[in-house]
Protein backbone atom coordinates (compact mmCIF):
# COMPACT_ATOMS: atom_id res chain seq x y z
CA MET A 1 0.00 0.00 0.00
CA SER A 2 1.14 3.55 -0.67
CA VAL A 3 1.32 5.99 2.21
CA THR A 4 1.69 9.12 0.09
CA LYS A 5 -2.05 9.43 -0.60
CA THR A 6 -2.83 13.07 -1.46
CA ALA A 7 0.51 14.48 -0.28
CA ILE A 8 -0.10 12.68 3.07
CA GLU A 9 -1.25 15.01 5.80
CA VAL A 10 1.36 13.62 8.15
CA GLY A 11 0.46 14.97 11.57
CA GLU A 12 -3.23 15.28 10.81
CA GLU A 13 -3.54 11.55 10.25
CA MET A 14 -2.15 10.97 13.71
CA VAL A 15 -4.67 13.37 15.24
CA GLU A 16 -7.44 11.53 13.44
CA GLY A 17 -6.09 8.33 14.97
CA PHE A 18 -6.22 9.91 18.42
CA ALA A 19 -9.75 11.13 17.74
CA ARG A 20 -10.83 7.58 16.98
CA LYS A 21 -9.74 6.77 20.53
CA GLY A 22 -11.83 9.61 21.93
CA LEU A 23 -8.85 11.91 22.52
CA LYS A 24 -9.02 15.69 22.20
CA GLN A 25 -6.79 18.22 20.44
CA LEU A 26 -5.48 21.20 22.41
CA LYS A 27 -6.71 24.70 21.62
CA PRO A 28 -3.83 26.72 20.12
CA ALA A 29 -2.54 30.03 21.38
CA THR A 30 -3.90 32.83 19.20
CA GLN A 31 -2.48 36.10 20.53
CA ARG A 32 0.38 37.60 22.53
CA ASP A 33 -0.74 39.36 25.69
CA ARG A 34 2.64 39.40 27.47
CA GLY A 35 6.19 40.35 26.59
CA ALA A 36 7.67 43.75 25.75
CA GLY A 37 9.52 44.24 22.48
CA PRO A 38 11.36 43.18 20.51
CA PHE A 39 13.34 46.40 20.80
CA GLN A 40 15.64 47.88 18.23
CA ARG A 41 18.22 48.09 21.01
CA LEU A 42 17.93 46.39 24.42
CA VAL A 43 20.78 46.72 26.94
CA LEU A 44 21.34 44.61 30.05
CA ARG A 45 23.61 46.61 32.35
CA GLY A 46 26.26 45.30 34.74
CA ALA A 47 25.35 41.60 34.71
CA THR A 48 27.38 38.64 35.91
CA VAL A 49 27.51 36.36 32.88
CA ILE A 50 27.25 32.55 32.88
CA ASP A 51 27.59 31.90 29.17
CA GLY A 52 26.48 28.25 28.88
CA THR A 53 29.80 26.82 27.65
CA GLY A 54 30.84 25.60 31.09
CA ALA A 55 33.04 28.65 31.66
CA PRO A 56 32.85 30.19 35.14
CA PRO A 57 30.84 33.38 35.74
CA PHE A 58 32.42 36.70 34.76
CA GLY A 59 31.41 40.35 34.99
CA PRO A 60 30.08 42.87 35.47
CA ALA A 61 29.26 43.19 31.79
CA ASP A 62 26.82 45.02 29.55
CA ILE A 63 24.97 42.92 26.98
CA VAL A 64 23.52 44.63 23.93
CA ILE A 65 20.66 43.02 22.02
CA GLU A 66 19.69 44.37 18.61
CA ASN A 67 16.95 42.95 16.40
CA GLY A 68 16.67 39.83 18.50
CA LYS A 69 20.38 38.97 18.54
CA ILE A 70 23.30 39.66 20.85
CA SER A 71 25.42 42.36 19.23
CA GLU A 72 27.89 43.17 22.02
CA ILE A 73 29.14 41.88 25.38
CA ALA A 74 31.38 44.40 27.11
CA VAL A 75 33.09 43.97 30.49
CA VAL A 76 32.49 47.23 32.35
CA GLY A 77 34.43 46.90 35.58
CA VAL A 78 35.42 44.52 38.35
CA PRO A 79 33.29 43.06 41.17
CA ARG A 80 32.60 45.19 44.25
CA LYS A 81 33.87 48.42 42.64
CA PRO A 82 31.86 51.16 40.92
CA LEU A 83 31.17 50.44 37.28
CA LYS A 84 33.14 52.50 34.79
CA GLN A 85 31.04 55.15 33.08
CA GLU A 86 33.13 55.92 30.01
CA GLY A 87 33.36 53.74 26.96
CA ARG A 88 30.28 51.70 27.81
CA PRO A 89 27.76 50.64 25.14
CA ALA A 90 25.39 53.40 24.06
CA PRO A 91 21.89 53.65 25.60
CA GLY A 92 19.10 51.41 24.37
CA ASP A 93 15.39 51.76 23.75
CA ARG A 94 14.96 49.60 26.86
CA GLU A 95 17.51 48.98 29.59
CA ILE A 96 17.49 46.49 32.48
CA ASP A 97 19.68 47.05 35.52
CA CYS A 98 21.39 43.70 36.09
CA TYR A 99 24.06 44.80 38.56
CA GLY A 100 24.37 42.10 41.22
CA LYS A 101 22.25 39.78 39.06
CA TYR A 102 23.16 36.83 36.84
CA VAL A 103 22.36 36.14 33.22
CA THR A 104 22.37 32.75 31.52
CA PRO A 105 21.23 31.43 28.15
CA GLY A 106 17.59 30.41 27.93
CA PHE A 107 16.94 26.77 28.78
CA ILE A 108 16.19 24.16 26.13
CA ASP A 109 13.72 21.38 26.95
CA SER A 110 14.88 18.46 24.83
CA HIS A 111 11.77 16.31 25.32
CA ALA A 112 8.40 17.96 25.80
CA HIS A 113 4.82 17.89 24.61
CA ILE A 114 2.36 20.70 24.03
CA GLY A 115 -0.34 19.07 26.08
CA THR A 116 -1.41 15.50 26.75
CA PRO A 117 -3.82 13.36 24.69
CA PHE A 118 -6.70 13.58 27.16
CA HIS A 119 -9.80 11.48 26.87
CA ALA A 120 -12.85 13.64 26.26
CA GLU A 121 -14.56 12.48 29.44
CA ASN A 122 -11.75 13.93 31.56
CA GLY A 123 -12.92 17.46 30.87
CA GLU A 124 -11.84 20.53 28.96
CA MET A 125 -8.13 21.30 28.68
CA LEU A 126 -6.72 24.77 29.13
CA PRO A 127 -5.39 26.22 25.86
CA ALA A 128 -1.74 26.01 24.85
CA ASP A 129 -1.07 29.42 26.49
CA TYR A 130 -1.14 27.63 29.85
CA ILE A 131 1.80 25.43 28.84
CA TYR A 132 3.77 28.11 26.99
CA LYS A 133 3.58 30.55 29.90
CA LEU A 134 4.69 27.91 32.38
CA TRP A 135 7.67 27.12 30.16
CA LEU A 136 8.64 30.78 29.78
CA ALA A 137 8.14 31.41 33.50
CA HIS A 138 10.75 28.72 34.19
CA GLY A 139 13.24 30.00 31.65
CA VAL A 140 12.49 27.54 28.86
CA THR A 141 12.97 29.43 25.59
CA SER A 142 13.25 26.44 23.19
CA VAL A 143 11.35 23.16 23.09
CA ARG A 144 11.84 19.96 21.11
CA GLU A 145 8.21 18.84 20.64
CA ALA A 146 8.69 15.07 20.68
CA GLY A 147 5.71 13.77 18.74
CA CYS A 148 3.37 16.59 17.66
CA MET A 149 0.35 14.94 19.25
CA ASN A 150 -1.82 17.88 18.14
CA GLY A 151 -0.77 17.35 14.54
CA LEU A 152 2.23 18.52 12.52
CA ALA A 153 0.33 21.35 10.77
CA TRP A 154 -1.01 22.56 14.16
CA THR A 155 2.50 22.56 15.65
CA ARG A 156 4.04 24.23 12.59
CA GLU A 157 1.47 27.03 12.81
CA GLN A 158 2.24 27.55 16.49
CA LYS A 159 5.96 27.54 15.70
CA ALA A 160 5.48 30.24 13.05
CA ALA A 161 3.35 32.32 15.42
CA ALA A 162 6.01 32.04 18.14
CA GLU A 163 8.81 33.04 15.76
CA ALA A 164 6.81 36.08 14.61
CA ASN A 165 6.05 36.96 18.26
CA ARG A 166 2.31 36.71 17.62
CA ILE A 167 1.95 34.49 20.70
CA SER A 168 3.78 34.22 24.04
CA ALA A 169 5.65 30.98 23.48
CA PRO A 170 9.14 29.48 23.26
CA HIS A 171 10.80 28.49 20.00
CA LEU A 172 9.27 25.18 18.90
CA TYR A 173 10.99 22.32 17.05
CA PRO A 174 8.42 19.77 15.81
CA TYR A 175 9.37 16.08 15.73
CA VAL A 176 6.61 14.04 14.13
CA TYR A 177 5.67 10.59 15.41
CA PHE A 178 6.60 7.65 13.15
CA PRO A 179 3.48 5.45 12.88
CA ALA A 180 4.85 1.94 12.64
CA VAL A 181 4.14 0.53 16.11
CA ASN A 182 1.13 2.11 17.79
CA ASP A 183 -2.45 1.23 18.60
CA TYR A 184 -3.72 4.73 17.72
CA LEU A 185 -2.53 4.71 14.11
CA LYS A 186 -0.46 2.35 12.00
CA THR A 187 0.13 3.07 8.35
CA ILE A 188 3.68 1.80 7.65
CA TYR A 189 4.20 -1.87 6.84
CA SER A 190 7.45 -2.00 4.84
CA PRO A 191 10.87 -0.29 4.71
CA GLU A 192 10.05 1.52 1.46
CA GLU A 193 6.75 2.82 2.83
CA GLY A 194 8.71 4.13 5.82
CA ARG A 195 11.10 5.97 3.52
CA GLU A 196 8.20 7.45 1.53
CA TRP A 197 6.49 8.57 4.72
CA LEU A 198 9.64 10.28 6.00
CA ARG A 199 10.14 12.16 2.74
CA ALA A 200 6.54 13.38 2.95
CA ALA A 201 7.02 14.35 6.61
CA ARG A 202 10.15 16.34 5.76
CA ASP A 203 8.31 18.11 2.94
CA LYS A 204 5.49 18.97 5.35
CA GLY A 205 7.93 20.70 7.70
CA ALA A 206 8.93 18.09 10.27
CA GLU A 207 12.35 18.89 11.76
CA GLY A 208 12.81 15.49 13.33
CA VAL A 209 11.15 12.15 13.98
CA LYS A 210 10.00 10.45 17.19
CA PHE A 211 10.13 6.65 17.15
CA PHE A 212 8.68 4.09 19.56
CA GLY A 213 10.40 1.31 17.68
CA ALA A 214 9.33 -0.66 14.63
CA PRO A 215 10.09 -3.99 13.00
CA PRO A 216 13.91 -3.98 12.67
CA ALA A 217 14.02 -3.81 8.86
CA ILE A 218 11.65 -0.80 8.87
CA MET A 219 13.52 0.88 11.72
CA GLN A 220 16.94 0.50 10.10
CA ALA A 221 15.66 1.79 6.76
CA ALA A 222 13.88 4.70 8.47
CA LEU A 223 16.99 5.79 10.36
CA ASP A 224 19.02 5.55 7.16
CA GLU A 225 16.45 7.75 5.39
CA CYS A 226 16.45 10.24 8.28
CA SER A 227 20.21 10.60 7.83
CA LYS A 228 19.81 11.20 4.09
CA LEU A 229 17.06 13.77 4.66
CA GLY A 230 18.81 15.62 7.48
CA LEU A 231 16.09 14.69 9.98
CA ARG A 232 17.19 14.10 13.57
CA ALA A 233 15.66 11.11 15.29
CA CYS A 234 14.76 10.28 18.88
CA CYS A 235 13.32 7.06 20.23
CA HIS A 236 11.33 5.82 23.20
CA HIS A 237 12.40 2.18 22.95
CA ALA A 238 9.05 0.60 23.72
CA GLN A 239 9.14 -2.73 25.56
CA LEU A 240 7.20 -4.29 22.68
CA THR A 241 10.21 -3.86 20.39
CA VAL A 242 13.24 -3.53 22.67
CA GLY A 243 13.85 -7.29 22.62
CA SER A 244 14.92 -7.00 18.99
CA MET A 245 16.40 -3.48 19.11
CA ASN A 246 18.06 -2.08 22.20
CA ALA A 247 19.35 1.48 22.37
CA LEU A 248 22.87 0.57 21.28
CA ARG A 249 21.67 -1.21 18.16
CA THR A 250 19.57 1.76 17.02
CA ALA A 251 22.38 4.17 17.94
CA ARG A 252 24.66 2.27 15.58
CA TRP A 253 21.97 2.58 12.91
CA GLY A 254 22.07 6.36 13.26
CA LEU A 255 19.54 7.24 15.98
CA THR A 256 20.32 10.71 17.36
CA SER A 257 19.07 10.27 20.92
CA THR A 258 17.57 7.74 23.31
CA GLU A 259 14.62 9.11 25.30
CA HIS A 260 13.91 8.01 28.88
CA SER A 261 15.99 4.97 29.86
CA TYR A 262 14.32 2.14 27.95
CA GLY A 263 16.76 0.19 25.81
CA ILE A 264 19.80 1.13 27.89
CA PRO A 265 19.69 -1.73 30.42
CA GLU A 266 18.92 -4.16 27.58
CA ALA A 267 22.22 -3.08 26.00
CA LEU A 268 23.89 -3.84 29.35
CA PHE A 269 22.52 -7.36 29.76
CA ASP A 270 25.32 -9.85 30.41
CA GLY A 271 24.55 -13.57 30.55
CA ARG A 272 21.01 -12.99 29.30
CA SER A 273 19.34 -11.34 26.31
CA LEU A 274 15.90 -10.56 27.73
CA GLN A 275 14.51 -9.23 31.00
CA THR A 276 12.83 -11.61 33.41
CA ILE A 277 9.12 -10.85 33.65
CA ALA A 278 6.35 -12.24 35.85
CA ASP A 279 3.98 -14.90 34.56
CA ASP A 280 1.04 -12.49 34.71
CA TYR A 281 2.82 -9.67 32.83
CA ASP A 282 0.74 -7.80 30.26
CA TYR A 283 2.21 -4.70 28.62
CA ASN A 284 -1.25 -3.10 28.37
CA ASP A 285 -1.59 -3.14 32.15
CA GLU A 286 0.09 0.16 33.03
CA TYR A 287 0.96 -0.96 36.56
CA LEU A 288 2.69 -4.13 35.34
CA ARG A 289 4.42 -2.20 32.56
CA PHE A 290 5.95 0.43 34.80
CA SER A 291 6.60 -1.65 37.90
CA THR A 292 8.48 -4.18 35.77
CA ALA A 293 10.43 -1.38 34.08
CA GLY A 294 11.81 -0.55 37.52
CA GLN A 295 13.49 -3.97 37.66
CA THR A 296 15.35 -3.85 34.33
CA PHE A 297 18.55 -2.17 35.51
CA LEU A 298 18.67 -4.60 38.44
CA GLN A 299 19.22 -7.42 35.91
CA ALA A 300 21.90 -5.58 33.88
CA ALA A 301 25.68 -5.34 34.17
CA GLN A 302 26.70 -3.26 37.15
CA PRO A 303 28.80 -0.07 37.21
CA GLY A 304 32.49 -0.58 36.56
CA SER A 305 32.17 -4.02 34.99
CA GLN A 306 33.78 -4.82 31.66
CA LYS A 307 30.37 -4.98 29.96
CA TRP A 308 29.43 -1.61 31.47
CA ASN A 309 32.57 0.07 30.16
CA ASP A 310 32.31 -1.57 26.74
CA VAL A 311 28.73 -0.32 26.29
CA LEU A 312 29.61 3.22 27.36
CA ASP A 313 32.49 3.28 24.88
CA ALA A 314 30.29 1.93 22.10
CA PHE A 315 27.69 4.68 22.60
CA LEU A 316 30.46 7.26 22.72
CA GLU A 317 32.00 5.97 19.50
CA VAL A 318 28.80 6.72 17.53
CA GLY A 319 28.24 10.11 19.21
CA HIS A 320 24.92 9.16 20.77
CA THR A 321 22.91 11.43 23.09
CA PHE A 322 20.73 10.52 26.08
CA VAL A 323 17.63 12.46 27.16
CA PRO A 324 16.65 10.54 30.32
CA THR A 325 13.57 12.57 31.42
CA LEU A 326 14.34 11.60 35.02
CA ASN A 327 11.71 13.90 36.49
CA VAL A 328 8.70 12.31 34.85
CA TYR A 329 9.47 8.96 36.52
CA ASP A 330 10.53 10.59 39.78
CA GLY A 331 7.18 9.77 41.37
CA ASN A 332 8.02 6.09 41.01
CA ARG A 333 10.60 6.58 43.77
CA ASP A 334 8.18 8.44 46.07
CA VAL A 335 4.67 8.90 44.75
CA MET A 336 3.56 10.95 47.76
CA ARG A 337 6.24 13.55 47.11
CA ALA A 338 5.21 13.96 43.48
CA ARG A 339 1.50 14.00 44.29
CA ARG A 340 1.81 16.58 47.07
CA ALA A 341 4.20 18.99 45.35
CA GLU A 342 3.43 22.50 46.60
CA TRP A 343 2.81 23.94 43.13
CA HIS A 344 -0.18 21.73 42.31
CA ASP A 345 -2.65 23.92 44.22
CA ALA A 346 -2.02 27.05 42.16
CA TYR A 347 -0.59 25.73 38.87
CA THR A 348 -2.29 22.39 38.06
CA ASP A 349 -5.70 22.69 36.41
CA GLN A 350 -8.57 20.38 37.24
CA THR A 351 -8.53 18.41 33.99
CA THR A 352 -4.82 17.67 34.25
CA TRP A 353 -5.23 16.72 37.91
CA LYS A 354 -8.05 14.36 37.02
CA TYR A 355 -5.87 12.77 34.32
CA PHE A 356 -3.10 12.17 36.89
CA GLN A 357 -5.34 10.12 39.20
CA PRO A 358 -4.95 6.32 39.30
CA GLN A 359 -7.13 4.80 36.59
CA ARG A 360 -7.06 1.85 34.26
CA GLY A 361 -6.48 2.87 30.67
CA GLY A 362 -4.91 6.25 31.39
CA HIS A 363 -1.27 6.50 30.31
CA GLY A 364 0.99 6.93 33.34
CA ALA A 365 -1.94 6.65 35.78
CA TYR A 366 -0.69 3.37 37.22
CA PHE A 367 -0.31 4.21 40.91
CA TYR A 368 -3.38 2.18 41.89
CA ARG A 369 -1.13 -0.65 43.16
CA TRP A 370 2.12 1.19 43.83
CA SER A 371 3.99 -0.27 46.81
CA VAL A 372 7.09 0.17 48.94
CA LYS A 373 8.69 -2.62 46.90
CA ASN A 374 8.05 -0.70 43.67
CA GLU A 375 9.58 2.47 45.10
CA VAL A 376 12.66 0.66 46.44
CA GLU A 377 13.25 -0.99 43.05
CA TRP A 378 12.92 2.32 41.22
CA ARG A 379 15.30 4.05 43.66
CA GLU A 380 17.92 1.40 43.00
CA SER A 381 17.28 1.62 39.25
CA TYR A 382 17.81 5.37 39.43
CA ARG A 383 21.09 4.87 41.27
CA ILE A 384 22.37 2.66 38.44
CA LEU A 385 20.96 4.84 35.64
CA MET A 386 22.39 8.00 37.20
CA HIS A 387 25.78 6.29 37.50
CA PHE A 388 25.57 5.41 33.80
CA LEU A 389 24.65 8.96 32.75
CA ASN A 390 27.38 10.52 34.88
CA ASP A 391 29.99 8.09 33.55
CA TYR A 392 28.90 8.86 29.99
CA LYS A 393 29.17 12.60 30.62
CA ASN A 394 32.60 12.14 32.18
CA ARG A 395 33.77 10.28 29.06
CA GLY A 396 32.70 13.25 26.92
CA GLY A 397 29.22 12.03 26.02
CA ARG A 398 26.18 14.27 25.75
CA VAL A 399 23.23 14.02 28.14
CA CYS A 400 20.46 16.63 27.91
CA PRO A 401 17.51 17.50 30.17
CA GLY A 402 13.97 16.94 28.96
CA SER A 403 10.84 17.17 31.05
CA ASP A 404 8.15 15.07 29.28
CA SER A 405 5.67 16.81 31.59
CA GLY A 406 1.93 16.25 31.53
CA PHE A 407 2.17 12.77 33.02
CA MET A 408 2.69 11.19 36.46
CA TYR A 409 2.07 14.35 38.52
CA GLN A 410 4.67 16.41 36.61
CA ILE A 411 3.58 19.74 35.11
CA TYR A 412 5.21 22.05 32.63
CA GLY A 413 8.15 24.22 33.68
CA PHE A 414 8.24 22.78 37.19
CA GLY A 415 9.17 19.40 35.72
CA TYR A 416 12.07 20.94 33.82
CA VAL A 417 13.53 22.48 36.97
CA ARG A 418 13.15 19.14 38.74
CA GLU A 419 15.13 17.59 35.87
CA LEU A 420 18.00 19.98 36.58
CA GLU A 421 17.92 18.95 40.24
CA LEU A 422 18.04 15.27 39.28
CA PHE A 423 21.03 15.82 36.97
CA GLN A 424 22.85 17.26 39.96
CA GLU A 425 21.79 14.26 42.04
CA ALA A 426 23.28 12.05 39.31
CA GLY A 427 26.68 13.64 39.91
CA PHE A 428 26.72 16.50 37.39
CA LEU A 429 28.29 19.70 38.69
CA PRO A 430 25.81 22.62 38.59
CA SER A 431 27.85 24.13 35.75
CA GLU A 432 27.63 20.81 33.87
CA VAL A 433 23.87 20.76 34.40
CA LEU A 434 23.53 24.27 32.98
CA ARG A 435 25.71 23.40 30.00
CA ALA A 436 23.62 20.27 29.38
CA GLY A 437 20.44 22.38 29.23
CA THR A 438 21.87 25.14 27.05
CA SER A 439 24.82 24.62 24.70
CA HIS A 440 24.68 20.82 24.67
CA ALA A 441 20.92 20.80 24.13
CA ALA A 442 21.31 23.33 21.30
CA ASP A 443 23.81 21.02 19.63
CA LEU A 444 21.38 18.10 20.01
CA LEU A 445 18.66 20.09 18.22
CA GLY A 446 21.08 21.22 15.52
CA ILE A 447 20.83 24.89 16.52
CA GLY A 448 24.23 25.18 18.19
CA LYS A 449 25.35 27.99 15.91
CA GLU A 450 22.37 30.19 16.77
CA ALA A 451 21.37 29.41 20.36
CA GLY A 452 22.50 27.90 23.65
CA VAL A 453 25.42 30.24 24.39
CA LEU A 454 25.66 33.92 25.30
CA GLU A 455 27.88 35.07 22.47
CA VAL A 456 27.86 37.88 19.93
CA GLY A 457 25.82 36.91 16.88
CA ARG A 458 23.67 34.36 18.73
CA ARG A 459 19.94 34.55 19.24
CA ALA A 460 19.03 36.66 22.26
CA ASP A 461 17.49 33.95 24.45
CA VAL A 462 18.62 35.23 27.83
CA LEU A 463 17.52 34.74 31.44
CA VAL A 464 17.95 37.38 34.15
CA HIS A 465 18.27 35.92 37.65
CA ARG A 466 18.19 37.77 40.96
CA GLU A 467 20.37 35.01 42.47
CA ASN A 468 23.06 32.73 41.08
CA PRO A 469 21.06 29.74 39.75
CA LEU A 470 24.13 27.50 40.06
CA ALA A 471 23.98 27.93 43.84
CA ASP A 472 20.59 26.21 44.07
CA PHE A 473 18.34 25.10 41.22
CA LYS A 474 15.36 25.10 43.61
CA LEU A 475 15.36 28.89 43.27
CA LEU A 476 14.20 28.42 39.66
CA TYR A 477 10.81 26.99 40.61
CA GLY A 478 7.89 29.31 39.94
CA THR A 479 6.90 28.85 43.57
CA GLY A 480 10.44 29.62 44.70
CA ALA A 481 12.10 27.82 47.58
CA LEU A 482 11.40 28.20 51.29
CA ARG A 483 14.01 30.41 52.97
CA LEU A 484 14.33 32.15 56.34
CA ASN A 485 14.44 35.95 56.14
CA ASP A 486 16.43 36.82 59.26
CA GLU A 487 15.65 40.53 58.93
CA LEU A 488 11.91 39.87 59.04
CA GLY A 489 12.17 36.90 61.35
CA ALA A 490 9.92 34.91 59.04
CA VAL A 491 10.09 32.36 56.25
CA GLU A 492 9.45 33.32 52.63
CA GLN A 493 9.42 31.81 49.17
CA LYS A 494 12.55 33.05 47.39
CA ARG A 495 12.72 32.90 43.59
CA ALA A 496 15.66 33.68 41.32
CA LEU A 497 14.29 34.13 37.79
CA GLU A 498 13.06 37.68 37.08
CA PHE A 499 12.95 38.02 33.27
CA THR A 500 12.88 35.54 30.42
CA ILE A 501 14.08 37.11 27.17
CA LYS A 502 13.24 35.23 23.98
CA SER A 503 14.70 36.64 20.76
CA GLY A 504 14.85 40.04 22.45
CA VAL A 505 11.24 39.98 23.75
CA VAL A 506 11.22 40.60 27.52
CA PHE A 507 8.77 38.52 29.59
CA ASP A 508 8.19 39.43 33.23
CA VAL A 509 8.07 36.16 35.15
CA ASP A 510 5.72 37.54 37.81
CA GLU A 511 3.19 38.43 35.11
CA LEU A 512 3.43 35.02 33.44
CA LEU A 513 2.92 33.17 36.72
CA GLY A 514 -0.01 35.41 37.63
CA ASP A 515 -1.67 34.64 34.31
CA VAL A 516 -1.27 30.91 34.87
CA ARG A 517 -2.70 31.08 38.39
CA ASP A 518 -5.72 32.95 37.03
CA MET A 519 -6.25 30.37 34.29
CA VAL A 520 -5.98 27.46 36.71
CA ALA A 521 -8.34 29.07 39.23
CA THR A 522 -11.14 29.15 36.64
CA THR A 523 -11.00 25.35 36.35
CA TRP A 524 -11.66 24.66 40.03
CA PRO A 525 -14.94 25.29 41.88
CA LYS A 526 -14.46 27.95 44.52
CA GLY A 527 -12.62 26.58 47.54
CA GLU A 528 -11.42 23.44 45.77
CA THR A 529 -7.83 22.62 44.81
CA PRO A 530 -5.87 19.39 44.29
CA PHE A 531 -5.00 19.28 48.00
CA HIS A 532 -8.63 19.93 48.89
CA LYS A 533 -9.53 16.94 46.75
CA ASN A 534 -6.88 14.87 48.52
CA ALA A 535 -8.37 15.80 51.90
CA GLU A 536 -11.88 14.91 50.75
CA GLN A 537 -10.74 11.54 49.44
CA ALA A 538 -8.96 10.80 52.74
CA LYS A 539 -12.16 11.17 54.80
């Protein structure tokens, strides 16, 4: 069968497949109601610069932004002395006093989704503005959309609107889902059909491809075609296919990045080729699927073994990248912590909260049987996975943060900051974490020459922080972090991020967060919140 049809409406076919399952498309953003600029000339005065390359902070410096790009970075003095007044960059149309503050590149979320494929009965979703504003409020200025669940045309239109500053949104990079193994839509049955489909997807504006696996012959041909077409490829190695294709095999075929951790332990198996599973295992039972996934690393080669080192070197040899999305599975280690996160009350809408609740048939809603044993296994799995990621980074490999929020009690923006925390837990220095989320992530997306580093000629995606973010990533949360104010003799929520600048457009983080709180409040009956619901259920 031919998959070209009438110029194959690539993403739209997938949305139709979702619709057949009773799933709803997200309402797009349609206007920009926040953000000042872009300005002909924007000047950030006296900042301490953390440039994203891994270099230590330096400053004070003035940063000049013209027509959405950095045009000058000038050191204007030394710390703790008055700034020099002569020879500094000329005034701008807008100036921001950054003396005593820190600037970094905007963050890049390497695995994210604009919404979740909700079932219609779960209620009405907030429009895409909700997600975009949460991203911007947490410093995310670029997003690799790993799947385009709302359709490729939908995502391309939102990308164009964001680039033209018609909406308040980050830069978007659409990766379209490859429909070879999926119960929502399956249209590819041969290697040549896969190649045809990819050519059509490229022509329709896809910038990359998201795989869940496929029959090996189709997968190998598809990755070969991606290479020929200049399409980057990421893969969630689904358990239905990982027995025939682990992450190392697909990396050798040309896969750009492995998403999550599936396929990694299978590459580390020594003395076995498949994971042990229980007699009652059924992949379509979400509890069995995810509880069993927490046992995979426990059956693999352990850190420091010959097999371990050989696999690390093999991934490094082909230049592979890992995007582990640690935060989205973080609840598996302690579901109460994820469920009771302090931001849910003000920033999680009722429909999303309902989707998170334990239910059969809801993706990631598997906590209806979650036990101490499950949490202990996942904690040990994380210890091994984190060791692997840190070893790979130390060998010169690339590991990038991605949030995959919208599932398992993780919401947009907050999930990305949690990912930075978990990278540090894995052994990354704070400066290595920042580099992973800026310059390394830009290289992964193929935009390393235009973004990810504060450098003359680069895109002006810049964050202005009241505090040094490297000192404590918790200060990046929209809710801030609890701190004692000794002068007031009281505790307060302290937050670092003040402005998110995207291509020279200045977004006030307080305004963005206020908008989100207002949107969320409309979804809850007066006096009800997620925690209120928890209390009612506990009675």
